[in-house]
Protein backbone atom coordinates (compact mmCIF):
# COMPACT_ATOMS: atom_id res chain seq x y z
CA UNK A 1 0.00 0.00 0.00
CA UNK A 2 1.03 3.57 -0.68
CA UNK A 3 -0.32 6.69 0.99
CA UNK A 4 0.02 10.03 -0.78
CA UNK A 5 -0.47 13.30 1.09
CA UNK A 6 -0.78 16.54 -0.87
CA UNK A 7 -0.19 20.07 0.33
CA UNK A 8 0.20 23.54 -1.09
CA UNK A 9 -3.14 24.23 -2.74
CA UNK A 10 -5.09 27.40 -2.17
CA UNK A 11 -6.12 30.65 -3.76
CA UNK A 12 -4.00 32.61 -6.23
CA UNK A 13 -4.57 35.51 -8.56
CA UNK A 14 -4.21 35.12 -12.29
CA UNK A 15 -0.54 35.40 -13.17
CA UNK A 16 0.50 34.21 -9.75
CA UNK A 17 2.21 31.04 -8.57
CA UNK A 18 1.56 28.08 -6.31
CA UNK A 19 3.64 25.05 -5.45
CA UNK A 20 2.04 21.70 -4.76
CA UNK A 21 3.80 18.94 -2.87
CA UNK A 22 2.97 15.27 -2.47
CA UNK A 23 4.73 13.08 0.07
CA UNK A 24 4.59 9.32 -0.30
CA UNK A 25 4.72 6.70 2.43
CA UNK A 26 7.37 4.71 0.53
CA UNK A 27 10.65 5.45 -1.19
CA UNK A 28 9.62 7.05 -4.46
CA UNK A 29 12.67 5.86 -6.38
CA UNK A 30 10.91 2.48 -6.48
CA UNK A 31 7.82 3.96 -8.13
CA UNK A 32 7.19 3.37 -11.82
CA UNK A 33 5.91 6.93 -12.13
CA UNK A 34 4.41 9.81 -10.17
CA UNK A 35 2.54 12.88 -11.16
CA UNK A 36 -0.41 15.18 -10.96
CA UNK A 37 -3.90 15.10 -12.39
CA UNK A 38 -6.68 17.63 -11.97
CA UNK A 39 -10.44 17.71 -12.13
CA UNK A 40 -12.48 20.84 -12.65
CA UNK A 41 -16.20 20.97 -11.82
CA UNK A 42 -18.24 19.15 -14.44
CA UNK A 43 -15.14 17.87 -16.24
CA UNK A 44 -13.23 14.63 -16.37
CA UNK A 45 -9.99 14.15 -14.50
CA UNK A 46 -7.07 15.04 -16.76
CA UNK A 47 -3.32 14.60 -16.72
CA UNK A 48 -1.27 17.62 -15.73
CA UNK A 49 2.26 16.25 -15.48
CA UNK A 50 4.00 12.95 -14.84
CA UNK A 51 7.56 11.85 -14.23
CA UNK A 52 8.86 8.30 -14.57
CA UNK A 53 11.49 6.50 -12.54
CA UNK A 54 13.80 6.97 -15.52
CA UNK A 55 13.30 10.73 -15.45
CA UNK A 56 10.92 10.98 -18.40
CA UNK A 57 8.54 13.90 -18.06
CA UNK A 58 5.21 14.51 -19.74
CA UNK A 59 3.09 17.67 -19.53
CA UNK A 60 -0.39 18.51 -20.72
CA UNK A 61 -0.18 20.98 -23.59
CA UNK A 62 -2.16 23.52 -21.57
CA UNK A 63 0.49 23.71 -18.82
CA UNK A 64 3.74 23.34 -20.77
CA UNK A 65 6.24 26.11 -19.99
CA UNK A 66 4.12 27.31 -17.05
CA UNK A 67 4.28 24.22 -14.78
CA UNK A 68 7.31 22.21 -13.67
CA UNK A 69 7.29 18.78 -12.04
CA UNK A 70 10.21 17.62 -9.92
CA UNK A 71 11.06 15.03 -7.30
CA UNK A 72 12.98 15.03 -4.05
CA UNK A 73 13.90 11.40 -3.46
CA UNK A 74 15.39 12.10 -0.04
CA UNK A 75 11.99 13.38 1.14
CA UNK A 76 9.85 10.98 -0.93
CA UNK A 77 8.15 14.01 -2.40
CA UNK A 78 7.04 15.16 -5.82
CA UNK A 79 6.46 18.85 -6.45
CA UNK A 80 4.47 20.78 -9.00
CA UNK A 81 5.56 24.38 -9.45
CA UNK A 82 2.75 26.31 -11.10
CA UNK A 83 3.55 29.73 -12.56
CA UNK A 84 1.55 32.17 -14.66
CA UNK A 85 -1.66 30.68 -13.31
CA UNK A 86 -4.88 31.14 -15.23
CA UNK A 87 -8.50 30.92 -14.07
CA UNK A 88 -8.84 27.77 -16.17
CA UNK A 89 -6.26 26.09 -13.92
CA UNK A 90 -8.89 26.08 -11.16
CA UNK A 91 -9.48 22.47 -10.15
CA UNK A 92 -8.87 19.83 -7.53
CA UNK A 93 -5.33 18.56 -8.06
CA UNK A 94 -4.61 14.92 -7.29
CA UNK A 95 -1.24 13.33 -6.69
CA UNK A 96 -0.76 10.02 -8.49
CA UNK A 97 1.71 7.19 -8.19
CA UNK A 98 2.18 3.88 -9.96
CA UNK A 99 3.94 1.32 -7.78
CA UNK A 100 4.44 -2.22 -8.93
CA UNK A 101 1.82 -1.48 -11.60
CA UNK A 102 -0.85 -0.51 -9.07
CA UNK A 103 -2.26 3.03 -9.16
CA UNK A 104 -2.55 5.18 -6.04
CA UNK A 105 -4.17 8.58 -5.51
CA UNK A 106 -3.99 11.32 -2.94
CA UNK A 107 -7.06 12.94 -1.43
CA UNK A 108 -6.79 16.02 -3.64
CA UNK A 109 -6.04 19.66 -2.98
CA UNK A 110 -8.07 22.58 -4.25
CA UNK A 111 -6.45 25.21 -6.44
CA UNK A 112 -8.51 28.29 -7.20
CA UNK A 113 -7.27 31.04 -9.52
CA UNK A 114 -9.13 34.32 -9.49
CA UNK A 115 -9.18 36.95 -12.21
C-alpha atoms as a PDB file:
ATOM      1  CA  UNK A   1       0.000   0.000   0.000  1.00  0.00           C
ATOM      2  CA  UNK A   2       1.034   3.567  -0.684  1.00  0.00           C
ATOM      3  CA  UNK A   3      -0.317   6.692   0.988  1.00  0.00           C
ATOM      4  CA  UNK A   4       0.020  10.031  -0.781  1.00  0.00           C
ATOM      5  CA  UNK A   5      -0.469  13.295   1.089  1.00  0.00           C
ATOM      6  CA  UNK A   6      -0.784  16.538  -0.865  1.00  0.00           C
ATOM      7  CA  UNK A   7      -0.193  20.068   0.335  1.00  0.00           C
ATOM      8  CA  UNK A   8       0.198  23.542  -1.092  1.00  0.00           C
ATOM      9  CA  UNK A   9      -3.137  24.228  -2.739  1.00  0.00           C
ATOM     10  CA  UNK A  10      -5.086  27.396  -2.167  1.00  0.00           C
ATOM     11  CA  UNK A  11      -6.122  30.649  -3.759  1.00  0.00           C
ATOM     12  CA  UNK A  12      -4.002  32.608  -6.228  1.00  0.00           C
ATOM     13  CA  UNK A  13      -4.575  35.513  -8.560  1.00  0.00           C
ATOM     14  CA  UNK A  14      -4.211  35.121 -12.291  1.00  0.00           C
ATOM     15  CA  UNK A  15      -0.537  35.404 -13.171  1.00  0.00           C
ATOM     16  CA  UNK A  16       0.500  34.208  -9.747  1.00  0.00           C
ATOM     17  CA  UNK A  17       2.211  31.036  -8.568  1.00  0.00           C
ATOM     18  CA  UNK A  18       1.563  28.076  -6.310  1.00  0.00           C
ATOM     19  CA  UNK A  19       3.639  25.045  -5.447  1.00  0.00           C
ATOM     20  CA  UNK A  20       2.042  21.700  -4.757  1.00  0.00           C
ATOM     21  CA  UNK A  21       3.803  18.939  -2.873  1.00  0.00           C
ATOM     22  CA  UNK A  22       2.971  15.269  -2.473  1.00  0.00           C
ATOM     23  CA  UNK A  23       4.729  13.083   0.072  1.00  0.00           C
ATOM     24  CA  UNK A  24       4.595   9.324  -0.300  1.00  0.00           C
ATOM     25  CA  UNK A  25       4.717   6.700   2.433  1.00  0.00           C
ATOM     26  CA  UNK A  26       7.371   4.708   0.530  1.00  0.00           C
ATOM     27  CA  UNK A  27      10.647   5.445  -1.191  1.00  0.00           C
ATOM     28  CA  UNK A  28       9.624   7.048  -4.457  1.00  0.00           C
ATOM     29  CA  UNK A  29      12.673   5.856  -6.378  1.00  0.00           C
ATOM     30  CA  UNK A  30      10.907   2.478  -6.481  1.00  0.00           C
ATOM     31  CA  UNK A  31       7.824   3.956  -8.130  1.00  0.00           C
ATOM     32  CA  UNK A  32       7.191   3.371 -11.819  1.00  0.00           C
ATOM     33  CA  UNK A  33       5.912   6.931 -12.127  1.00  0.00           C
ATOM     34  CA  UNK A  34       4.408   9.810 -10.170  1.00  0.00           C
ATOM     35  CA  UNK A  35       2.539  12.876 -11.163  1.00  0.00           C
ATOM     36  CA  UNK A  36      -0.411  15.180 -10.956  1.00  0.00           C
ATOM     37  CA  UNK A  37      -3.903  15.099 -12.392  1.00  0.00           C
ATOM     38  CA  UNK A  38      -6.677  17.631 -11.975  1.00  0.00           C
ATOM     39  CA  UNK A  39     -10.444  17.709 -12.134  1.00  0.00           C
ATOM     40  CA  UNK A  40     -12.483  20.844 -12.652  1.00  0.00           C
ATOM     41  CA  UNK A  41     -16.205  20.969 -11.815  1.00  0.00           C
ATOM     42  CA  UNK A  42     -18.237  19.152 -14.440  1.00  0.00           C
ATOM     43  CA  UNK A  43     -15.144  17.870 -16.240  1.00  0.00           C
ATOM     44  CA  UNK A  44     -13.226  14.628 -16.369  1.00  0.00           C
ATOM     45  CA  UNK A  45      -9.986  14.148 -14.503  1.00  0.00           C
ATOM     46  CA  UNK A  46      -7.067  15.038 -16.759  1.00  0.00           C
ATOM     47  CA  UNK A  47      -3.325  14.595 -16.724  1.00  0.00           C
ATOM     48  CA  UNK A  48      -1.269  17.618 -15.731  1.00  0.00           C
ATOM     49  CA  UNK A  49       2.263  16.249 -15.483  1.00  0.00           C
ATOM     50  CA  UNK A  50       3.998  12.954 -14.838  1.00  0.00           C
ATOM     51  CA  UNK A  51       7.558  11.848 -14.225  1.00  0.00           C
ATOM     52  CA  UNK A  52       8.857   8.299 -14.566  1.00  0.00           C
ATOM     53  CA  UNK A  53      11.488   6.496 -12.539  1.00  0.00           C
ATOM     54  CA  UNK A  54      13.798   6.967 -15.518  1.00  0.00           C
ATOM     55  CA  UNK A  55      13.297  10.725 -15.452  1.00  0.00           C
ATOM     56  CA  UNK A  56      10.922  10.976 -18.397  1.00  0.00           C
ATOM     57  CA  UNK A  57       8.535  13.897 -18.060  1.00  0.00           C
ATOM     58  CA  UNK A  58       5.208  14.508 -19.737  1.00  0.00           C
ATOM     59  CA  UNK A  59       3.088  17.666 -19.535  1.00  0.00           C
ATOM     60  CA  UNK A  60      -0.387  18.507 -20.723  1.00  0.00           C
ATOM     61  CA  UNK A  61      -0.179  20.982 -23.588  1.00  0.00           C
ATOM     62  CA  UNK A  62      -2.158  23.515 -21.571  1.00  0.00           C
ATOM     63  CA  UNK A  63       0.486  23.710 -18.824  1.00  0.00           C
ATOM     64  CA  UNK A  64       3.743  23.344 -20.766  1.00  0.00           C
ATOM     65  CA  UNK A  65       6.236  26.113 -19.993  1.00  0.00           C
ATOM     66  CA  UNK A  66       4.123  27.311 -17.054  1.00  0.00           C
ATOM     67  CA  UNK A  67       4.277  24.223 -14.777  1.00  0.00           C
ATOM     68  CA  UNK A  68       7.315  22.208 -13.665  1.00  0.00           C
ATOM     69  CA  UNK A  69       7.288  18.777 -12.043  1.00  0.00           C
ATOM     70  CA  UNK A  70      10.211  17.620  -9.917  1.00  0.00           C
ATOM     71  CA  UNK A  71      11.056  15.033  -7.300  1.00  0.00           C
ATOM     72  CA  UNK A  72      12.978  15.030  -4.045  1.00  0.00           C
ATOM     73  CA  UNK A  73      13.896  11.395  -3.456  1.00  0.00           C
ATOM     74  CA  UNK A  74      15.386  12.104  -0.039  1.00  0.00           C
ATOM     75  CA  UNK A  75      11.987  13.383   1.135  1.00  0.00           C
ATOM     76  CA  UNK A  76       9.850  10.980  -0.925  1.00  0.00           C
ATOM     77  CA  UNK A  77       8.147  14.008  -2.400  1.00  0.00           C
ATOM     78  CA  UNK A  78       7.039  15.157  -5.817  1.00  0.00           C
ATOM     79  CA  UNK A  79       6.459  18.854  -6.452  1.00  0.00           C
ATOM     80  CA  UNK A  80       4.469  20.782  -9.004  1.00  0.00           C
ATOM     81  CA  UNK A  81       5.559  24.382  -9.446  1.00  0.00           C
ATOM     82  CA  UNK A  82       2.754  26.310 -11.102  1.00  0.00           C
ATOM     83  CA  UNK A  83       3.548  29.727 -12.564  1.00  0.00           C
ATOM     84  CA  UNK A  84       1.547  32.172 -14.660  1.00  0.00           C
ATOM     85  CA  UNK A  85      -1.657  30.683 -13.306  1.00  0.00           C
ATOM     86  CA  UNK A  86      -4.883  31.140 -15.233  1.00  0.00           C
ATOM     87  CA  UNK A  87      -8.499  30.921 -14.066  1.00  0.00           C
ATOM     88  CA  UNK A  88      -8.844  27.766 -16.166  1.00  0.00           C
ATOM     89  CA  UNK A  89      -6.258  26.091 -13.920  1.00  0.00           C
ATOM     90  CA  UNK A  90      -8.885  26.077 -11.161  1.00  0.00           C
ATOM     91  CA  UNK A  91      -9.480  22.466 -10.152  1.00  0.00           C
ATOM     92  CA  UNK A  92      -8.867  19.832  -7.530  1.00  0.00           C
ATOM     93  CA  UNK A  93      -5.327  18.555  -8.058  1.00  0.00           C
ATOM     94  CA  UNK A  94      -4.607  14.916  -7.291  1.00  0.00           C
ATOM     95  CA  UNK A  95      -1.243  13.325  -6.690  1.00  0.00           C
ATOM     96  CA  UNK A  96      -0.763  10.020  -8.490  1.00  0.00           C
ATOM     97  CA  UNK A  97       1.714   7.185  -8.194  1.00  0.00           C
ATOM     98  CA  UNK A  98       2.184   3.882  -9.957  1.00  0.00           C
ATOM     99  CA  UNK A  99       3.943   1.324  -7.777  1.00  0.00           C
ATOM    100  CA  UNK A 100       4.442  -2.225  -8.932  1.00  0.00           C
ATOM    101  CA  UNK A 101       1.825  -1.475 -11.601  1.00  0.00           C
ATOM    102  CA  UNK A 102      -0.854  -0.508  -9.071  1.00  0.00           C
ATOM    103  CA  UNK A 103      -2.257   3.028  -9.157  1.00  0.00           C
ATOM    104  CA  UNK A 104      -2.551   5.180  -6.037  1.00  0.00           C
ATOM    105  CA  UNK A 105      -4.166   8.579  -5.511  1.00  0.00           C
ATOM    106  CA  UNK A 106      -3.988  11.321  -2.943  1.00  0.00           C
ATOM    107  CA  UNK A 107      -7.062  12.938  -1.432  1.00  0.00           C
ATOM    108  CA  UNK A 108      -6.790  16.017  -3.638  1.00  0.00           C
ATOM    109  CA  UNK A 109      -6.040  19.658  -2.975  1.00  0.00           C
ATOM    110  CA  UNK A 110      -8.071  22.583  -4.247  1.00  0.00           C
ATOM    111  CA  UNK A 111      -6.451  25.211  -6.437  1.00  0.00           C
ATOM    112  CA  UNK A 112      -8.514  28.295  -7.200  1.00  0.00           C
ATOM    113  CA  UNK A 113      -7.274  31.036  -9.524  1.00  0.00           C
ATOM    114  CA  UNK A 114      -9.131  34.322  -9.488  1.00  0.00           C
ATOM    115  CA  UNK A 115      -9.179  36.953 -12.205  1.00  0.00           C
END
